């Protein structure tokens, strides 16, 4: 009798263990399906979309989901920030006659705006260039998990979804940075030049006129460097 009871308990334990294993496998498969569906949706959105970072998968799958969504969200946010510079009306009108009239003779407000804009722009572009590196993208998951299983799953998914090809625009970013940095730095030099020589120029009929030809030539040399 005792032997039968013992065998019964052993069988029950084995059944419970098998049930737990089976449920675990089912849960893992279900969460991986959710994860892959979420990432597929995110990756197929426009690169400058507003990404929602909330996890819909569970367990370690959430770490993978959160890592990819956070990466895409940060990339998108910084990309929109640098795009805003190209449509910045204040920046575009910084050397306009109206603004020069308002901010002369020291141009403190305009110069400060230019320097702040340049600093923020360069920070965002440099970060995007770094994020466009494939090694950086592959290692991004390591902030969220140390599990080899989920690290490999992360790499597998970003490879299948071609995430790198979507953010691989470092050369374009570098070229744009060169142009924007040039225009802002030149604008700063123009205003500093006007500040330094404030007694040697005036505005007539919406035109800056210098009382010295050499100063006019220097001014034109700066302006020609704008792209």
Foldseek 3Di string as FASTA:
>chain_A
DVVVVVVVVVVVVVVVVVVVVVVVVVLVVVLVVQLLVLLLVVLPDQLLDQFDQDAPGDDLSNLLSNLSRVLSNLLNVLVVLLVVVVVPPCLVCLPFLVNCVVCPDQNPVSLVVLVVSLVSNVVSLVVLLVSLDPVCQLCSSVVRDPDPVSSVVSVVSCVVSVSSVSSNDNVVSVVVNVQSVQQSVLSSVLSVLSNVPVVAWDADPRDIDGPDVVSVVVNVVSVVSHD
